[in-house]
Amino acid sequence: MMYFSLLLSGLIAVSPFASASTCTTDNLVIKTSSGEVHGFINNTAPDVRQFLGIPYAEAPVGDLRFAPPQTKKRGAAINATYYGASCMQQTSTAKTIYTEYDREFLINGPTSEDCLFVHVWAPNNAQKGLPVFLYIPGRSL
């Protein structure tokens, strides 16, 4: 979890990187003590910097499948421009709040046991006091 806290502090404490008209990852690089994280700005939300699919622990596969999460090792730069895989879940046809009203939290991509990712949305300007939205996928009961 040390990796996660260091990564999060790096993402929140950064200055703006690109203008609202920029839609590339050229200047959206955050240097953390755990490595570089490359984000992006989407045309549909030009005032928001997005950092998606950031792994916060080693993949829980193989020998790590039933072990406690292991600290993410420093490695290559992280391409945080797409969602990581969703955790394996049982699907159902039952109506829920998520199927009726909050569809953005439904699984919208691949599923995998390697699903320990965090997603961060931050303002694209230097004004202090603006919120940062952090989504850590959880499990359903």
Protein backbone atom coordinates (compact mmCIF):
# COMPACT_ATOMS: atom_id res chain seq x y z
CA MET A 1 0.00 0.00 0.00
CA MET A 2 3.02 2.29 0.32
CA TYR A 3 3.11 2.45 -3.49
CA PHE A 4 -0.52 3.57 -3.57
CA SER A 5 -0.05 6.40 -1.05
CA LEU A 6 3.09 7.67 -2.79
CA LEU A 7 1.39 7.51 -6.16
CA LEU A 8 -1.73 9.26 -4.92
CA SER A 9 0.25 12.09 -3.30
CA GLY A 10 2.10 12.59 -6.58
CA LEU A 11 -1.12 12.76 -8.60
CA ILE A 12 -2.88 15.22 -6.29
CA ALA A 13 0.04 17.56 -5.70
CA VAL A 14 0.91 18.26 -9.32
CA SER A 15 0.54 21.47 -11.25
CA PRO A 16 -1.51 21.65 -14.46
CA PHE A 17 0.13 20.12 -17.48
CA ALA A 18 -1.84 21.06 -20.57
CA SER A 19 -4.26 23.58 -21.92
CA ALA A 20 -7.95 22.74 -22.30
CA SER A 21 -7.49 22.33 -26.05
CA THR A 22 -4.84 19.63 -25.64
CA CYS A 23 -6.04 16.09 -26.20
CA THR A 24 -2.77 14.22 -26.09
CA THR A 25 -0.62 12.75 -23.38
CA ASP A 26 2.45 14.84 -24.34
CA ASN A 27 2.54 16.96 -21.20
CA LEU A 28 0.48 14.83 -18.82
CA VAL A 29 3.34 13.05 -17.10
CA ILE A 30 3.55 12.86 -13.35
CA LYS A 31 6.80 11.78 -11.77
CA THR A 32 6.21 9.85 -8.57
CA SER A 33 8.63 7.95 -6.37
CA SER A 34 7.14 4.82 -7.93
CA GLY A 35 7.75 5.91 -11.53
CA GLU A 36 6.14 8.00 -14.24
CA VAL A 37 2.38 8.02 -14.81
CA HIS A 38 1.11 9.22 -18.22
CA GLY A 39 -2.46 10.58 -18.26
CA PHE A 40 -4.61 12.34 -20.83
CA ILE A 41 -7.29 14.96 -21.46
CA ASN A 42 -10.43 13.89 -23.30
CA ASN A 43 -12.27 16.28 -25.68
CA THR A 44 -15.53 15.54 -23.88
CA ALA A 45 -14.12 16.88 -20.59
CA PRO A 46 -11.30 19.32 -21.48
CA ASP A 47 -11.06 20.72 -17.94
CA VAL A 48 -10.25 17.35 -16.42
CA ARG A 49 -6.96 15.46 -16.35
CA GLN A 50 -7.54 11.70 -16.36
CA PHE A 51 -5.26 8.98 -15.06
CA LEU A 52 -6.93 5.61 -15.56
CA GLY A 53 -5.89 2.05 -14.83
CA ILE A 54 -3.00 2.78 -12.48
CA PRO A 55 -1.90 -0.46 -10.80
CA TYR A 56 -1.54 -0.04 -7.04
CA ALA A 57 -0.18 -3.53 -6.27
CA GLU A 58 1.47 -6.41 -8.09
CA ALA A 59 -0.91 -8.53 -10.15
CA PRO A 60 -2.64 -11.09 -7.87
CA VAL A 61 -1.97 -14.03 -10.18
CA GLY A 62 0.14 -17.17 -9.96
CA ASP A 63 1.79 -17.48 -6.53
CA LEU A 64 0.18 -14.19 -5.46
CA ARG A 65 -3.38 -15.33 -6.19
CA PHE A 66 -4.49 -15.78 -2.56
CA ALA A 67 -1.69 -13.77 -0.93
CA PRO A 68 -2.05 -10.27 0.54
CA PRO A 69 -1.42 -7.49 -2.03
CA GLN A 70 2.27 -6.98 -2.75
CA THR A 71 3.85 -3.55 -3.15
CA LYS A 72 4.06 -2.56 -6.82
CA LYS A 73 7.66 -2.64 -8.03
CA ARG A 74 9.03 0.37 -9.86
CA GLY A 75 9.10 -0.38 -13.55
CA ALA A 76 8.38 1.12 -16.92
CA ALA A 77 6.24 4.23 -17.23
CA ILE A 78 2.53 3.59 -16.65
CA ASN A 79 0.22 4.35 -19.57
CA ALA A 80 -2.81 5.61 -17.60
CA THR A 81 -5.00 6.34 -20.63
CA TYR A 82 -7.45 3.45 -20.35
CA TYR A 83 -9.30 1.53 -17.63
CA GLY A 84 -7.66 -1.55 -16.20
CA ALA A 85 -9.53 -4.85 -16.25
CA SER A 86 -12.46 -5.25 -13.87
CA CYS A 87 -12.36 -7.95 -11.21
CA MET A 88 -14.08 -11.23 -11.92
CA GLN A 89 -17.75 -11.03 -10.96
CA GLN A 90 -20.87 -13.11 -11.24
CA THR A 91 -23.23 -11.54 -13.73
CA SER A 92 -26.95 -11.26 -13.23
CA THR A 93 -29.97 -10.04 -15.14
CA ALA A 94 -31.55 -8.61 -11.97
CA LYS A 95 -32.28 -4.88 -11.95
CA THR A 96 -30.14 -2.86 -9.55
CA ILE A 97 -29.31 0.79 -8.99
CA TYR A 98 -26.28 0.22 -11.22
CA THR A 99 -28.24 -1.21 -14.15
CA GLU A 100 -30.98 1.41 -13.90
CA TYR A 101 -29.36 4.68 -12.78
CA ASP A 102 -25.57 4.55 -12.30
CA ARG A 103 -24.47 2.61 -15.37
CA GLU A 104 -21.00 4.19 -15.39
CA PHE A 105 -20.01 1.82 -12.57
CA LEU A 106 -20.86 -1.32 -14.55
CA ILE A 107 -18.13 -3.45 -16.03
CA ASN A 108 -17.33 -1.95 -19.41
CA GLY A 109 -14.33 -3.92 -20.54
CA PRO A 110 -12.41 -7.09 -19.89
CA THR A 111 -12.39 -8.93 -16.56
CA SER A 112 -9.33 -10.47 -14.95
CA GLU A 113 -7.86 -11.57 -11.66
CA ASP A 114 -5.31 -8.82 -12.35
CA CYS A 115 -7.66 -5.98 -11.42
CA LEU A 116 -5.91 -3.88 -8.76
CA PHE A 117 -6.17 -0.49 -10.45
CA VAL A 118 -7.10 3.02 -9.35
CA HIS A 119 -8.60 5.78 -11.53
CA VAL A 120 -8.05 9.49 -10.83
CA TRP A 121 -9.74 12.57 -12.31
CA ALA A 122 -8.24 15.96 -11.42
CA PRO A 123 -8.91 19.57 -12.49
CA ASN A 124 -6.87 20.94 -15.39
CA ASN A 125 -6.05 24.30 -13.83
CA ALA A 126 -4.01 25.73 -10.99
CA GLN A 127 -6.90 27.01 -8.88
CA LYS A 128 -6.59 25.63 -5.35
CA GLY A 129 -9.47 23.98 -3.58
CA LEU A 130 -10.88 22.10 -6.57
CA PRO A 131 -11.87 18.46 -5.98
CA VAL A 132 -10.00 15.39 -7.14
CA PHE A 133 -12.14 12.32 -7.79
CA LEU A 134 -10.50 9.03 -6.94
CA TYR A 135 -12.22 5.75 -7.75
CA ILE A 136 -10.93 2.52 -6.27
CA PRO A 137 -13.02 -0.38 -7.54
CA GLY A 138 -14.35 -2.49 -4.72
CA ARG A 139 -16.26 -5.69 -4.38
CA SER A 140 -19.94 -6.33 -4.09
CA LEU A 141 -21.35 -8.38 -1.23
